[in-house]
């Protein structure tokens, strides 16, 4: 397993007149994302700055696995979100290993 920095950006169907938690299908998206955390796939994540994109620390075998799993998000199906970037990330500082 490797770590990756993954950004997710707003897709073409994002409703700019609504806040993130007011978007169509928020509850289903939240349940899906919480499941990825429970599975240990997403280690850390959330919106950046103006909330136009999110940053997630992901543990996966490959970029293909990341695209596949995030592609199962209801918001991906609805074109509310899309993967922005996927970068391998060597986590040298990690509080979980310092304890």
C-alpha atoms as a PDB file:
ATOM      1  CA  UNK A   1       0.000   0.000   0.000  1.00  0.00           C
ATOM      2  CA  UNK A   2       1.087   3.540  -0.735  1.00  0.00           C
ATOM      3  CA  UNK A   3      -0.123   6.983   0.300  1.00  0.00           C
ATOM      4  CA  UNK A   4      -1.458   9.556  -2.130  1.00  0.00           C
ATOM      5  CA  UNK A   5      -2.553  13.195  -1.979  1.00  0.00           C
ATOM      6  CA  UNK A   6      -5.830  13.373  -3.884  1.00  0.00           C
ATOM      7  CA  UNK A   7      -7.763  16.481  -4.814  1.00  0.00           C
ATOM      8  CA  UNK A   8     -11.406  16.355  -5.776  1.00  0.00           C
ATOM      9  CA  UNK A   9     -12.910  19.326  -7.614  1.00  0.00           C
ATOM     10  CA  UNK A  10     -16.388  20.516  -8.471  1.00  0.00           C
ATOM     11  CA  UNK A  11     -17.883  18.920 -11.549  1.00  0.00           C
ATOM     12  CA  UNK A  12     -20.085  20.410 -14.279  1.00  0.00           C
ATOM     13  CA  UNK A  13     -23.334  19.689 -12.412  1.00  0.00           C
ATOM     14  CA  UNK A  14     -22.287  21.469  -9.190  1.00  0.00           C
ATOM     15  CA  UNK A  15     -24.943  24.021  -8.199  1.00  0.00           C
ATOM     16  CA  UNK A  16     -22.984  27.209  -7.478  1.00  0.00           C
ATOM     17  CA  UNK A  17     -26.037  28.733  -5.762  1.00  0.00           C
ATOM     18  CA  UNK A  18     -25.901  26.123  -2.962  1.00  0.00           C
ATOM     19  CA  UNK A  19     -23.450  25.453  -0.144  1.00  0.00           C
ATOM     20  CA  UNK A  20     -21.674  22.091  -0.068  1.00  0.00           C
ATOM     21  CA  UNK A  21     -24.099  20.489   2.408  1.00  0.00           C
ATOM     22  CA  UNK A  22     -27.065  21.804   0.416  1.00  0.00           C
ATOM     23  CA  UNK A  23     -26.066  20.062  -2.816  1.00  0.00           C
ATOM     24  CA  UNK A  24     -28.395  17.401  -4.204  1.00  0.00           C
ATOM     25  CA  UNK A  25     -27.562  13.989  -2.683  1.00  0.00           C
ATOM     26  CA  UNK A  26     -25.448  15.312   0.210  1.00  0.00           C
ATOM     27  CA  UNK A  27     -26.578  12.567   2.619  1.00  0.00           C
ATOM     28  CA  UNK A  28     -25.679   9.763   0.209  1.00  0.00           C
ATOM     29  CA  UNK A  29     -22.311  11.352  -0.580  1.00  0.00           C
ATOM     30  CA  UNK A  30     -21.534  11.776   3.148  1.00  0.00           C
ATOM     31  CA  UNK A  31     -22.383   8.126   3.887  1.00  0.00           C
ATOM     32  CA  UNK A  32     -20.182   6.999   0.988  1.00  0.00           C
ATOM     33  CA  UNK A  33     -17.217   9.112   2.107  1.00  0.00           C
ATOM     34  CA  UNK A  34     -17.599   8.017   5.736  1.00  0.00           C
ATOM     35  CA  UNK A  35     -17.453   4.423   4.476  1.00  0.00           C
ATOM     36  CA  UNK A  36     -14.125   5.117   2.764  1.00  0.00           C
ATOM     37  CA  UNK A  37     -12.777   6.375   6.097  1.00  0.00           C
ATOM     38  CA  UNK A  38     -14.063   3.315   7.965  1.00  0.00           C
ATOM     39  CA  UNK A  39     -12.429   1.090   5.309  1.00  0.00           C
ATOM     40  CA  UNK A  40      -9.072   2.835   5.908  1.00  0.00           C
ATOM     41  CA  UNK A  41      -8.973   4.112   2.323  1.00  0.00           C
ATOM     42  CA  UNK A  42      -9.215   7.811   3.275  1.00  0.00           C
ATOM     43  CA  UNK A  43      -6.945   8.647   6.200  1.00  0.00           C
ATOM     44  CA  UNK A  44      -7.647  12.363   6.366  1.00  0.00           C
ATOM     45  CA  UNK A  45      -9.546  14.846   4.253  1.00  0.00           C
ATOM     46  CA  UNK A  46     -11.764  17.860   3.809  1.00  0.00           C
ATOM     47  CA  UNK A  47     -12.420  21.049   1.848  1.00  0.00           C
ATOM     48  CA  UNK A  48      -9.614  23.532   1.186  1.00  0.00           C
ATOM     49  CA  UNK A  49      -9.930  27.322   1.442  1.00  0.00           C
ATOM     50  CA  UNK A  50     -12.979  28.443  -0.519  1.00  0.00           C
ATOM     51  CA  UNK A  51     -14.264  24.830  -0.617  1.00  0.00           C
ATOM     52  CA  UNK A  52     -13.976  24.582  -4.404  1.00  0.00           C
ATOM     53  CA  UNK A  53     -11.811  21.508  -3.930  1.00  0.00           C
ATOM     54  CA  UNK A  54     -11.026  18.954  -1.252  1.00  0.00           C
ATOM     55  CA  UNK A  55      -7.765  17.316  -0.290  1.00  0.00           C
ATOM     56  CA  UNK A  56      -7.616  13.724   0.927  1.00  0.00           C
ATOM     57  CA  UNK A  57      -4.785  11.542   2.148  1.00  0.00           C
ATOM     58  CA  UNK A  58      -5.532   8.142   0.669  1.00  0.00           C
ATOM     59  CA  UNK A  59      -3.957   4.734   1.206  1.00  0.00           C
ATOM     60  CA  UNK A  60      -4.254   2.547  -1.891  1.00  0.00           C
ATOM     61  CA  UNK A  61      -2.402   0.130  -4.132  1.00  0.00           C
ATOM     62  CA  UNK A  62      -2.578   2.317  -7.234  1.00  0.00           C
ATOM     63  CA  UNK A  63      -3.968   5.377  -8.950  1.00  0.00           C
ATOM     64  CA  UNK A  64      -6.407   3.082 -10.784  1.00  0.00           C
ATOM     65  CA  UNK A  65      -7.806   1.860  -7.455  1.00  0.00           C
ATOM     66  CA  UNK A  66      -8.285   5.458  -6.334  1.00  0.00           C
ATOM     67  CA  UNK A  67     -10.121   6.423  -9.522  1.00  0.00           C
ATOM     68  CA  UNK A  68     -12.281   3.289  -9.329  1.00  0.00           C
ATOM     69  CA  UNK A  69     -13.271   3.747  -5.691  1.00  0.00           C
ATOM     70  CA  UNK A  70     -13.911   7.485  -5.937  1.00  0.00           C
ATOM     71  CA  UNK A  71     -15.858   6.838  -9.135  1.00  0.00           C
ATOM     72  CA  UNK A  72     -18.395   4.920  -7.015  1.00  0.00           C
ATOM     73  CA  UNK A  73     -19.319   8.127  -5.134  1.00  0.00           C
ATOM     74  CA  UNK A  74     -22.936   9.154  -5.836  1.00  0.00           C
ATOM     75  CA  UNK A  75     -21.650  12.671  -6.500  1.00  0.00           C
ATOM     76  CA  UNK A  76     -19.256  11.304  -9.132  1.00  0.00           C
ATOM     77  CA  UNK A  77     -22.190   9.585 -10.871  1.00  0.00           C
ATOM     78  CA  UNK A  78     -24.146  12.847 -10.762  1.00  0.00           C
ATOM     79  CA  UNK A  79     -21.124  14.836 -12.051  1.00  0.00           C
ATOM     80  CA  UNK A  80     -21.057  17.006  -8.944  1.00  0.00           C
ATOM     81  CA  UNK A  81     -17.428  16.070  -8.245  1.00  0.00           C
ATOM     82  CA  UNK A  82     -14.494  14.746 -10.222  1.00  0.00           C
ATOM     83  CA  UNK A  83     -10.931  13.739  -9.389  1.00  0.00           C
ATOM     84  CA  UNK A  84      -8.621  16.724  -9.802  1.00  0.00           C
ATOM     85  CA  UNK A  85      -5.194  15.237  -9.134  1.00  0.00           C
ATOM     86  CA  UNK A  86      -3.539  12.160  -7.661  1.00  0.00           C
ATOM     87  CA  UNK A  87       0.042  12.400  -6.421  1.00  0.00           C
ATOM     88  CA  UNK A  88       2.093   9.765  -4.601  1.00  0.00           C
ATOM     89  CA  UNK A  89       2.968  11.084  -1.145  1.00  0.00           C
ATOM     90  CA  UNK A  90       5.776   9.888   1.085  1.00  0.00           C
ATOM     91  CA  UNK A  91       4.502  10.577   4.585  1.00  0.00           C
ATOM     92  CA  UNK A  92       7.647  11.020   6.648  1.00  0.00           C
ATOM     93  CA  UNK A  93       5.907  12.725   9.552  1.00  0.00           C
ATOM     94  CA  UNK A  94       2.957  10.806  10.903  1.00  0.00           C
ATOM     95  CA  UNK A  95       1.709  11.126  14.480  1.00  0.00           C
ATOM     96  CA  UNK A  96       0.344   7.566  14.381  1.00  0.00           C
ATOM     97  CA  UNK A  97       3.906   6.232  14.272  1.00  0.00           C
ATOM     98  CA  UNK A  98       5.321   8.700  16.801  1.00  0.00           C
ATOM     99  CA  UNK A  99       3.314   7.408  19.755  1.00  0.00           C
END
